[in-house]
Amino acid sequence: MQKILIFQQNGSGRAKIEGIKEFGQGRFIIETVDIDIPLPPVLDDTSPYLPETLEADLVMDFFKNRDLSEDLSLLCDKLNIPVIASGKKHTRGRAVCPPT
């Protein structure tokens, strides 16, 4: 089974997670990383919020904070893990950013 690691802020990926569970029909292992605390609009250091390494076949980014999203994209690029960050415009990393 493929492992999907989902990063979200304040439940921002909840509907997508439920859709993957419903329509994926048990074909995926889904793990979430939740940040449910208020964050400033700019984070100079995202290391307290992101893991140093991760294991997944696919990462989905539902962060609302741009700094978290871009640093997550860079981490995944380094680890050669594809990232989907719908509706975002990354300037760093190689996340796939389809329009929503």
N, C-alpha and C. Protein backbone atom coordinates (compact mmCIF):
# COMPACT_ATOMS: atom_id res chain seq x y z
N MET A 1 0.84 -1.19 0.00
CA MET A 1 0.00 0.00 0.00
C MET A 1 0.87 1.25 0.00
N GLN A 2 0.38 2.26 -0.65
CA GLN A 2 1.11 3.52 -0.68
C GLN A 2 0.80 4.32 0.58
N LYS A 3 1.83 5.01 1.07
CA LYS A 3 1.66 5.85 2.25
C LYS A 3 1.58 7.31 1.82
N ILE A 4 0.49 7.96 2.22
CA ILE A 4 0.29 9.38 1.97
C ILE A 4 0.45 10.11 3.29
N LEU A 5 1.35 11.07 3.33
CA LEU A 5 1.57 11.88 4.52
C LEU A 5 0.98 13.26 4.26
N ILE A 6 0.03 13.64 5.09
CA ILE A 6 -0.70 14.89 4.88
C ILE A 6 -0.36 15.88 5.97
N PHE A 7 0.07 17.06 5.56
CA PHE A 7 0.37 18.16 6.49
C PHE A 7 -0.77 19.16 6.40
N GLN A 8 -1.33 19.50 7.56
CA GLN A 8 -2.45 20.44 7.57
C GLN A 8 -2.35 21.38 8.76
N GLN A 9 -3.03 22.49 8.63
CA GLN A 9 -3.10 23.51 9.66
C GLN A 9 -4.55 23.73 10.02
N ASN A 10 -4.88 23.56 11.27
CA ASN A 10 -6.24 23.80 11.77
C ASN A 10 -7.31 23.06 10.95
N GLY A 11 -7.03 21.79 10.61
CA GLY A 11 -8.01 20.97 9.91
C GLY A 11 -8.21 21.32 8.44
N SER A 12 -7.26 22.05 7.85
CA SER A 12 -7.44 22.54 6.48
C SER A 12 -7.52 21.44 5.42
N GLY A 13 -7.10 20.23 5.73
CA GLY A 13 -7.18 19.15 4.76
C GLY A 13 -8.24 18.11 5.07
N ARG A 14 -9.07 18.41 6.05
CA ARG A 14 -10.06 17.44 6.54
C ARG A 14 -10.94 16.84 5.44
N ALA A 15 -11.50 17.68 4.61
CA ALA A 15 -12.40 17.19 3.55
C ALA A 15 -11.65 16.31 2.54
N LYS A 16 -10.43 16.70 2.20
CA LYS A 16 -9.64 15.90 1.25
C LYS A 16 -9.26 14.56 1.87
N ILE A 17 -8.92 14.55 3.15
CA ILE A 17 -8.57 13.31 3.84
C ILE A 17 -9.76 12.36 3.83
N GLU A 18 -10.93 12.87 4.14
CA GLU A 18 -12.14 12.04 4.12
C GLU A 18 -12.42 11.50 2.73
N GLY A 19 -12.20 12.32 1.70
CA GLY A 19 -12.40 11.88 0.33
C GLY A 19 -11.43 10.76 -0.06
N ILE A 20 -10.17 10.89 0.35
CA ILE A 20 -9.20 9.84 0.05
C ILE A 20 -9.59 8.55 0.75
N LYS A 21 -10.03 8.66 1.99
CA LYS A 21 -10.45 7.46 2.73
C LYS A 21 -11.66 6.80 2.07
N GLU A 22 -12.63 7.63 1.69
CA GLU A 22 -13.86 7.08 1.10
C GLU A 22 -13.62 6.48 -0.29
N PHE A 23 -12.98 7.26 -1.17
CA PHE A 23 -12.84 6.82 -2.55
C PHE A 23 -11.59 5.97 -2.79
N GLY A 24 -10.64 6.02 -1.86
CA GLY A 24 -9.44 5.19 -1.97
C GLY A 24 -9.69 3.75 -1.58
N GLN A 25 -10.80 3.51 -0.92
CA GLN A 25 -11.26 2.16 -0.56
C GLN A 25 -10.16 1.33 0.09
N GLY A 26 -9.45 1.93 1.05
CA GLY A 26 -8.46 1.19 1.82
C GLY A 26 -7.15 0.93 1.11
N ARG A 27 -6.91 1.58 -0.03
CA ARG A 27 -5.68 1.35 -0.79
C ARG A 27 -4.50 2.17 -0.31
N PHE A 28 -4.74 3.09 0.62
CA PHE A 28 -3.68 3.98 1.07
C PHE A 28 -3.56 3.96 2.59
N ILE A 29 -2.34 4.10 3.05
CA ILE A 29 -2.08 4.36 4.46
C ILE A 29 -2.00 5.88 4.57
N ILE A 30 -2.84 6.45 5.39
CA ILE A 30 -2.88 7.91 5.53
C ILE A 30 -2.40 8.29 6.92
N GLU A 31 -1.42 9.18 6.94
CA GLU A 31 -0.90 9.69 8.20
C GLU A 31 -0.97 11.21 8.11
N THR A 32 -1.33 11.85 9.21
CA THR A 32 -1.42 13.32 9.18
C THR A 32 -0.48 13.94 10.19
N VAL A 33 -0.01 15.12 9.83
CA VAL A 33 0.75 15.98 10.73
C VAL A 33 -0.09 17.24 10.86
N ASP A 34 -0.57 17.50 12.08
CA ASP A 34 -1.46 18.62 12.33
C ASP A 34 -0.76 19.72 13.12
N ILE A 35 -0.95 20.95 12.69
CA ILE A 35 -0.51 22.11 13.47
C ILE A 35 -1.78 22.88 13.78
N ASP A 36 -2.14 22.88 15.03
CA ASP A 36 -3.41 23.48 15.45
C ASP A 36 -3.21 24.64 16.42
N ILE A 37 -2.11 25.37 16.24
CA ILE A 37 -1.85 26.54 17.07
C ILE A 37 -1.74 27.76 16.16
N PRO A 38 -2.05 28.94 16.68
CA PRO A 38 -1.89 30.15 15.87
C PRO A 38 -0.41 30.38 15.53
N LEU A 39 -0.15 30.73 14.29
CA LEU A 39 1.21 31.00 13.85
C LEU A 39 1.28 32.41 13.26
N PRO A 40 2.43 33.05 13.38
CA PRO A 40 2.59 34.35 12.73
C PRO A 40 2.61 34.17 11.22
N PRO A 41 2.33 35.23 10.46
CA PRO A 41 2.31 35.11 9.00
C PRO A 41 3.68 34.76 8.41
N VAL A 42 4.76 35.16 9.08
CA VAL A 42 6.12 34.88 8.60
C VAL A 42 6.86 34.08 9.67
N LEU A 43 7.44 32.96 9.23
CA LEU A 43 8.25 32.13 10.13
C LEU A 43 9.69 32.11 9.60
N ASP A 44 10.60 32.68 10.37
CA ASP A 44 12.00 32.65 9.96
C ASP A 44 12.58 31.25 10.10
N ASP A 45 12.07 30.48 11.06
CA ASP A 45 12.57 29.13 11.33
C ASP A 45 11.37 28.18 11.45
N THR A 46 11.25 27.28 10.49
CA THR A 46 10.13 26.33 10.49
C THR A 46 10.49 25.01 11.15
N SER A 47 11.73 24.87 11.59
CA SER A 47 12.18 23.58 12.14
C SER A 47 11.38 23.08 13.34
N PRO A 48 10.82 23.95 14.19
CA PRO A 48 10.00 23.41 15.28
C PRO A 48 8.70 22.75 14.80
N TYR A 49 8.31 22.99 13.56
CA TYR A 49 7.03 22.50 13.06
C TYR A 49 7.15 21.36 12.04
N LEU A 50 8.33 21.22 11.44
CA LEU A 50 8.53 20.20 10.41
C LEU A 50 9.50 19.13 10.91
N PRO A 51 9.28 17.88 10.52
CA PRO A 51 10.22 16.83 10.90
C PRO A 51 11.54 17.00 10.13
N GLU A 52 12.61 16.43 10.68
CA GLU A 52 13.90 16.48 9.99
C GLU A 52 13.90 15.56 8.78
N THR A 53 13.18 14.46 8.89
CA THR A 53 13.06 13.52 7.79
C THR A 53 11.67 12.93 7.81
N LEU A 54 11.28 12.30 6.73
CA LEU A 54 9.97 11.66 6.69
C LEU A 54 10.00 10.54 5.69
N GLU A 55 9.04 9.63 5.86
CA GLU A 55 8.91 8.50 4.95
C GLU A 55 7.48 8.46 4.43
N ALA A 56 7.37 8.56 3.11
CA ALA A 56 6.06 8.53 2.47
C ALA A 56 6.26 8.33 0.98
N ASP A 57 5.21 7.85 0.33
CA ASP A 57 5.22 7.75 -1.13
C ASP A 57 4.74 9.05 -1.76
N LEU A 58 3.95 9.80 -1.00
CA LEU A 58 3.41 11.07 -1.48
C LEU A 58 3.13 11.95 -0.27
N VAL A 59 3.42 13.24 -0.42
CA VAL A 59 3.09 14.22 0.62
C VAL A 59 2.06 15.18 0.04
N MET A 60 1.07 15.49 0.85
CA MET A 60 0.07 16.50 0.46
C MET A 60 0.19 17.66 1.45
N ASP A 61 0.25 18.86 0.91
CA ASP A 61 0.46 20.07 1.71
C ASP A 61 -0.83 20.88 1.77
N PHE A 62 -1.41 20.96 2.96
CA PHE A 62 -2.57 21.82 3.20
C PHE A 62 -2.25 22.90 4.23
N PHE A 63 -0.95 23.23 4.35
CA PHE A 63 -0.56 24.31 5.24
C PHE A 63 -1.12 25.63 4.72
N LYS A 64 -1.44 26.51 5.63
CA LYS A 64 -1.87 27.85 5.27
C LYS A 64 -0.69 28.81 5.26
N ASN A 65 0.35 28.49 6.03
CA ASN A 65 1.53 29.33 6.14
C ASN A 65 2.49 29.05 4.98
N ARG A 66 2.82 30.08 4.23
CA ARG A 66 3.68 29.93 3.05
C ARG A 66 5.07 29.41 3.40
N ASP A 67 5.64 29.88 4.51
CA ASP A 67 6.98 29.44 4.89
C ASP A 67 7.01 27.94 5.18
N LEU A 68 5.99 27.44 5.86
CA LEU A 68 5.90 26.00 6.13
C LEU A 68 5.78 25.22 4.82
N SER A 69 4.95 25.70 3.92
CA SER A 69 4.76 25.02 2.64
C SER A 69 6.05 24.95 1.83
N GLU A 70 6.74 26.06 1.74
CA GLU A 70 7.95 26.08 0.93
C GLU A 70 9.06 25.24 1.55
N ASP A 71 9.21 25.28 2.86
CA ASP A 71 10.23 24.45 3.50
C ASP A 71 9.87 22.97 3.43
N LEU A 72 8.59 22.64 3.50
CA LEU A 72 8.17 21.26 3.31
C LEU A 72 8.49 20.81 1.89
N SER A 73 8.27 21.65 0.91
CA SER A 73 8.59 21.33 -0.47
C SER A 73 10.09 21.09 -0.64
N LEU A 74 10.91 21.90 -0.02
CA LEU A 74 12.36 21.71 -0.10
C LEU A 74 12.79 20.40 0.56
N LEU A 75 12.20 20.08 1.71
CA LEU A 75 12.53 18.83 2.40
C LEU A 75 12.16 17.64 1.53
N CYS A 76 10.99 17.66 0.94
CA CYS A 76 10.55 16.56 0.10
C CYS A 76 11.40 16.45 -1.16
N ASP A 77 11.81 17.59 -1.70
CA ASP A 77 12.70 17.60 -2.86
C ASP A 77 14.01 16.90 -2.50
N LYS A 78 14.55 17.22 -1.35
CA LYS A 78 15.79 16.61 -0.87
C LYS A 78 15.64 15.10 -0.69
N LEU A 79 14.46 14.65 -0.23
CA LEU A 79 14.21 13.24 0.03
C LEU A 79 13.61 12.51 -1.18
N ASN A 80 13.42 13.26 -2.28
CA ASN A 80 12.85 12.71 -3.51
C ASN A 80 11.44 12.13 -3.30
N ILE A 81 10.62 12.87 -2.56
CA ILE A 81 9.23 12.49 -2.32
C ILE A 81 8.35 13.51 -3.03
N PRO A 82 7.44 13.08 -3.90
CA PRO A 82 6.57 14.04 -4.58
C PRO A 82 5.61 14.73 -3.61
N VAL A 83 5.35 16.00 -3.91
CA VAL A 83 4.45 16.82 -3.08
C VAL A 83 3.36 17.39 -3.96
N ILE A 84 2.14 17.34 -3.46
CA ILE A 84 1.03 18.04 -4.10
C ILE A 84 0.60 19.15 -3.17
N ALA A 85 0.59 20.37 -3.69
CA ALA A 85 0.22 21.55 -2.90
C ALA A 85 -0.79 22.34 -3.72
N SER A 86 -2.02 21.86 -3.74
CA SER A 86 -3.07 22.45 -4.58
C SER A 86 -3.28 23.93 -4.30
N GLY A 87 -3.35 24.70 -5.36
CA GLY A 87 -3.68 26.11 -5.25
C GLY A 87 -2.57 27.00 -4.74
N LYS A 88 -1.36 26.47 -4.59
CA LYS A 88 -0.25 27.28 -4.07
C LYS A 88 0.67 27.67 -5.21
N LYS A 89 1.50 28.66 -4.93
CA LYS A 89 2.50 29.11 -5.89
C LYS A 89 3.86 29.10 -5.20
N HIS A 90 4.49 27.93 -5.21
CA HIS A 90 5.79 27.80 -4.57
C HIS A 90 6.87 28.45 -5.41
N THR A 91 7.83 29.04 -4.72
CA THR A 91 8.98 29.58 -5.41
C THR A 91 10.22 28.74 -5.11
N ARG A 92 10.09 27.79 -4.20
CA ARG A 92 11.21 26.91 -3.84
C ARG A 92 10.72 25.47 -3.82
N GLY A 93 11.63 24.55 -4.15
CA GLY A 93 11.25 23.14 -4.18
C GLY A 93 10.56 22.80 -5.48
N ARG A 94 10.05 21.55 -5.56
CA ARG A 94 9.43 21.09 -6.80
C ARG A 94 8.02 20.56 -6.57
N ALA A 95 7.26 21.16 -5.73
CA ALA A 95 5.90 20.70 -5.49
C ALA A 95 5.03 20.90 -6.73
N VAL A 96 4.13 19.96 -6.96
CA VAL A 96 3.14 20.10 -8.01
C VAL A 96 2.01 20.94 -7.42
N CYS A 97 1.70 22.04 -8.07
CA CYS A 97 0.72 23.00 -7.54
C CYS A 97 -0.44 23.19 -8.52
N PRO A 98 -1.32 22.19 -8.63
CA PRO A 98 -2.45 22.34 -9.56
C PRO A 98 -3.42 23.41 -9.06
N PRO A 99 -4.10 24.09 -9.98
CA PRO A 99 -5.10 25.07 -9.54
C PRO A 99 -6.29 24.37 -8.87
N THR A 100 -6.94 25.09 -8.00
CA THR A 100 -8.12 24.52 -7.33
C THR A 100 -9.36 25.22 -7.81
